[in-house]
């Protein structure tokens, strides 16, 4: 993904689908999603606050997987 407009559109779509996550595209071509973790979260149930991937689609898949496992665990934000 080279064009700045393409990167910004992909970031906007990810932010819309996953509110609460910051989406970052690095100058090395890596995609990251970060979110703050609450201090009082139950450690065994608290998911990672940082994910990374090679492409925006891969990052979306990781976020969806995490979101699915989180909702299936009965965890409420």
N, C-alpha and C. Protein backbone atom coordinates (compact mmCIF):
# COMPACT_ATOMS: atom_id res chain seq x y z
N UNK A 1 0.87 -1.18 0.00
CA UNK A 1 0.00 0.00 0.00
C UNK A 1 0.91 1.22 0.00
N UNK A 2 0.86 1.98 -1.09
CA UNK A 2 1.80 3.08 -1.24
C UNK A 2 1.16 4.45 -1.16
N UNK A 3 0.03 4.63 -1.76
CA UNK A 3 -0.56 5.96 -1.84
C UNK A 3 -1.09 6.40 -0.48
N UNK A 4 -0.77 7.65 -0.12
CA UNK A 4 -1.22 8.18 1.17
C UNK A 4 -2.73 8.12 1.31
N UNK A 5 -3.45 8.40 0.22
CA UNK A 5 -4.91 8.37 0.26
C UNK A 5 -5.44 6.97 0.56
N UNK A 6 -4.79 5.95 0.00
CA UNK A 6 -5.20 4.57 0.26
C UNK A 6 -4.98 4.21 1.74
N UNK A 7 -3.86 4.63 2.27
CA UNK A 7 -3.56 4.36 3.68
C UNK A 7 -4.59 5.05 4.57
N UNK A 8 -4.86 6.31 4.29
CA UNK A 8 -5.82 7.05 5.13
C UNK A 8 -7.22 6.45 5.04
N UNK A 9 -7.62 6.00 3.86
CA UNK A 9 -8.95 5.35 3.72
C UNK A 9 -8.99 4.04 4.49
N UNK A 10 -7.94 3.25 4.41
CA UNK A 10 -7.89 1.98 5.15
C UNK A 10 -7.93 2.23 6.65
N UNK A 11 -7.17 3.24 7.11
CA UNK A 11 -7.18 3.57 8.54
C UNK A 11 -8.57 4.03 8.98
N UNK A 12 -9.22 4.84 8.17
CA UNK A 12 -10.56 5.33 8.51
C UNK A 12 -11.55 4.17 8.61
N UNK A 13 -11.49 3.23 7.69
CA UNK A 13 -12.40 2.07 7.73
C UNK A 13 -12.16 1.24 8.99
N UNK A 14 -10.90 1.01 9.33
CA UNK A 14 -10.59 0.24 10.53
C UNK A 14 -11.05 0.96 11.79
N UNK A 15 -10.83 2.27 11.84
CA UNK A 15 -11.27 3.04 13.01
C UNK A 15 -12.78 3.03 13.16
N UNK A 16 -13.48 3.06 12.04
CA UNK A 16 -14.94 3.03 12.07
C UNK A 16 -15.44 1.67 12.56
N UNK A 17 -14.81 0.62 12.08
CA UNK A 17 -15.24 -0.74 12.46
C UNK A 17 -14.83 -1.09 13.89
N UNK A 18 -13.73 -0.51 14.37
CA UNK A 18 -13.20 -0.84 15.69
C UNK A 18 -12.97 0.43 16.51
N UNK A 19 -14.05 1.07 16.94
CA UNK A 19 -13.90 2.28 17.76
C UNK A 19 -13.16 1.95 19.06
N UNK A 20 -12.40 2.89 19.52
CA UNK A 20 -11.62 2.67 20.73
C UNK A 20 -10.20 2.19 20.45
N UNK A 21 -9.95 1.82 19.20
CA UNK A 21 -8.61 1.39 18.81
C UNK A 21 -7.96 2.50 17.99
N UNK A 22 -6.68 2.73 18.23
CA UNK A 22 -5.89 3.63 17.40
C UNK A 22 -5.24 2.79 16.30
N UNK A 23 -5.34 3.24 15.08
CA UNK A 23 -4.78 2.51 13.95
C UNK A 23 -3.57 3.28 13.43
N UNK A 24 -2.46 2.58 13.28
CA UNK A 24 -1.19 3.20 12.90
C UNK A 24 -0.60 2.44 11.71
N UNK A 25 -0.11 3.18 10.73
CA UNK A 25 0.64 2.61 9.62
C UNK A 25 2.04 3.21 9.67
N UNK A 26 3.05 2.36 9.80
CA UNK A 26 4.41 2.86 9.97
C UNK A 26 5.12 3.07 8.64
N UNK A 27 6.21 3.79 8.69
CA UNK A 27 7.01 4.04 7.50
C UNK A 27 7.71 2.77 7.00
N UNK A 28 7.65 1.71 7.79
CA UNK A 28 8.20 0.42 7.37
C UNK A 28 7.12 -0.49 6.78
N UNK A 29 5.91 0.06 6.63
CA UNK A 29 4.83 -0.68 5.99
C UNK A 29 4.10 -1.64 6.91
N UNK A 30 4.20 -1.42 8.20
CA UNK A 30 3.56 -2.31 9.18
C UNK A 30 2.30 -1.63 9.72
N UNK A 31 1.25 -2.41 9.96
CA UNK A 31 -0.01 -1.93 10.50
C UNK A 31 -0.12 -2.32 11.97
N UNK A 32 -0.57 -1.37 12.79
CA UNK A 32 -0.71 -1.59 14.23
C UNK A 32 -2.08 -1.10 14.70
N UNK A 33 -2.60 -1.77 15.71
CA UNK A 33 -3.81 -1.32 16.40
C UNK A 33 -3.49 -1.33 17.88
N UNK A 34 -3.76 -0.22 18.54
CA UNK A 34 -3.51 -0.13 19.98
C UNK A 34 -4.76 0.42 20.66
N UNK A 35 -4.92 0.04 21.91
CA UNK A 35 -6.00 0.59 22.72
C UNK A 35 -5.53 0.62 24.15
N UNK A 36 -6.04 1.58 24.91
CA UNK A 36 -5.67 1.61 26.33
C UNK A 36 -6.32 0.43 27.05
N UNK A 37 -5.63 -0.13 28.00
CA UNK A 37 -6.21 -1.18 28.83
C UNK A 37 -6.48 -0.59 30.21
N UNK A 38 -7.63 -0.93 30.74
CA UNK A 38 -8.01 -0.42 32.05
C UNK A 38 -7.19 -1.10 33.14
N UNK A 39 -6.80 -0.35 34.12
CA UNK A 39 -6.00 -0.88 35.22
C UNK A 39 -6.77 -1.97 35.97
N UNK A 40 -8.09 -1.81 36.05
CA UNK A 40 -8.88 -2.76 36.84
C UNK A 40 -9.39 -3.96 36.03
N UNK A 41 -8.92 -4.14 34.78
CA UNK A 41 -9.34 -5.29 34.00
C UNK A 41 -8.81 -6.57 34.63
N UNK A 42 -9.62 -7.59 34.59
CA UNK A 42 -9.24 -8.89 35.09
C UNK A 42 -8.14 -9.44 34.19
N UNK A 43 -6.91 -9.61 34.68
CA UNK A 43 -5.79 -10.01 33.81
C UNK A 43 -6.04 -11.26 32.97
N UNK A 44 -6.66 -12.32 33.50
CA UNK A 44 -6.88 -13.48 32.63
C UNK A 44 -7.83 -13.19 31.47
N UNK A 45 -8.71 -12.20 31.63
CA UNK A 45 -9.68 -11.89 30.58
C UNK A 45 -9.30 -10.66 29.77
N UNK A 46 -8.33 -9.90 30.20
CA UNK A 46 -7.95 -8.68 29.49
C UNK A 46 -7.14 -9.05 28.25
N UNK A 47 -7.64 -8.65 27.10
CA UNK A 47 -6.94 -8.98 25.86
C UNK A 47 -5.79 -8.00 25.64
N UNK A 48 -5.00 -8.34 24.66
CA UNK A 48 -3.86 -7.51 24.33
C UNK A 48 -4.30 -6.10 23.96
N UNK A 49 -3.50 -5.13 24.33
CA UNK A 49 -3.78 -3.76 23.96
C UNK A 49 -3.07 -3.34 22.69
N UNK A 50 -2.29 -4.26 22.08
CA UNK A 50 -1.55 -3.94 20.86
C UNK A 50 -1.56 -5.15 19.93
N UNK A 51 -1.88 -4.89 18.68
CA UNK A 51 -1.84 -5.92 17.64
C UNK A 51 -1.07 -5.36 16.46
N UNK A 52 -0.44 -6.24 15.67
CA UNK A 52 0.24 -5.77 14.47
C UNK A 52 0.04 -6.78 13.35
N UNK A 53 0.18 -6.29 12.11
CA UNK A 53 -0.04 -7.13 10.94
C UNK A 53 0.67 -6.52 9.74
N UNK A 54 0.75 -7.33 8.68
CA UNK A 54 1.39 -6.88 7.44
C UNK A 54 0.48 -6.02 6.57
N UNK A 55 -0.83 -6.27 6.65
CA UNK A 55 -1.77 -5.56 5.78
C UNK A 55 -2.97 -5.09 6.61
N UNK A 56 -3.74 -4.14 6.09
CA UNK A 56 -4.94 -3.73 6.81
C UNK A 56 -5.96 -4.87 6.92
N UNK A 57 -6.03 -5.74 5.92
CA UNK A 57 -6.94 -6.88 6.00
C UNK A 57 -6.51 -7.87 7.08
N UNK A 58 -5.22 -8.09 7.19
CA UNK A 58 -4.72 -8.97 8.26
C UNK A 58 -5.01 -8.37 9.64
N UNK A 59 -4.84 -7.06 9.76
CA UNK A 59 -5.11 -6.40 11.03
C UNK A 59 -6.60 -6.50 11.36
N UNK A 60 -7.46 -6.30 10.36
CA UNK A 60 -8.90 -6.44 10.56
C UNK A 60 -9.24 -7.84 11.06
N UNK A 61 -8.63 -8.85 10.47
CA UNK A 61 -8.89 -10.23 10.88
C UNK A 61 -8.47 -10.45 12.34
N UNK A 62 -7.32 -9.91 12.73
CA UNK A 62 -6.88 -10.05 14.11
C UNK A 62 -7.82 -9.32 15.07
N UNK A 63 -8.24 -8.12 14.69
CA UNK A 63 -9.17 -7.37 15.53
C UNK A 63 -10.51 -8.08 15.64
N UNK A 64 -11.00 -8.62 14.54
CA UNK A 64 -12.28 -9.36 14.57
C UNK A 64 -12.16 -10.58 15.46
N UNK A 65 -11.06 -11.30 15.35
CA UNK A 65 -10.85 -12.49 16.17
C UNK A 65 -10.82 -12.12 17.65
N UNK A 66 -10.12 -11.07 17.96
CA UNK A 66 -10.03 -10.62 19.35
C UNK A 66 -11.39 -10.15 19.86
N UNK A 67 -12.11 -9.41 19.03
CA UNK A 67 -13.43 -8.91 19.41
C UNK A 67 -14.39 -10.07 19.61
N UNK A 68 -14.32 -11.07 18.74
CA UNK A 68 -15.19 -12.24 18.85
C UNK A 68 -14.90 -13.01 20.13
N UNK A 69 -13.62 -13.24 20.44
CA UNK A 69 -13.28 -13.99 21.64
C UNK A 69 -13.65 -13.19 22.89
N UNK A 70 -13.52 -11.90 22.80
CA UNK A 70 -13.87 -11.03 23.93
C UNK A 70 -15.36 -11.08 24.21
N UNK A 71 -16.19 -10.99 23.16
CA UNK A 71 -17.64 -11.01 23.36
C UNK A 71 -18.10 -12.41 23.76
N UNK A 72 -17.42 -13.43 23.30
CA UNK A 72 -17.78 -14.79 23.67
C UNK A 72 -17.42 -15.14 25.10
N UNK A 73 -16.50 -14.38 25.68
CA UNK A 73 -16.07 -14.65 27.05
C UNK A 73 -16.97 -13.98 28.06
N UNK A 74 -17.96 -13.25 27.59
CA UNK A 74 -18.86 -12.58 28.52
C UNK A 74 -18.28 -11.32 29.12
N UNK A 75 -17.19 -10.86 28.56
CA UNK A 75 -16.52 -9.65 29.04
C UNK A 75 -17.24 -8.42 28.54
N UNK A 76 -17.53 -7.52 29.40
CA UNK A 76 -18.16 -6.26 29.00
C UNK A 76 -17.18 -5.13 29.23
N UNK A 77 -17.10 -4.21 28.28
CA UNK A 77 -16.14 -3.12 28.41
C UNK A 77 -16.48 -2.17 29.54
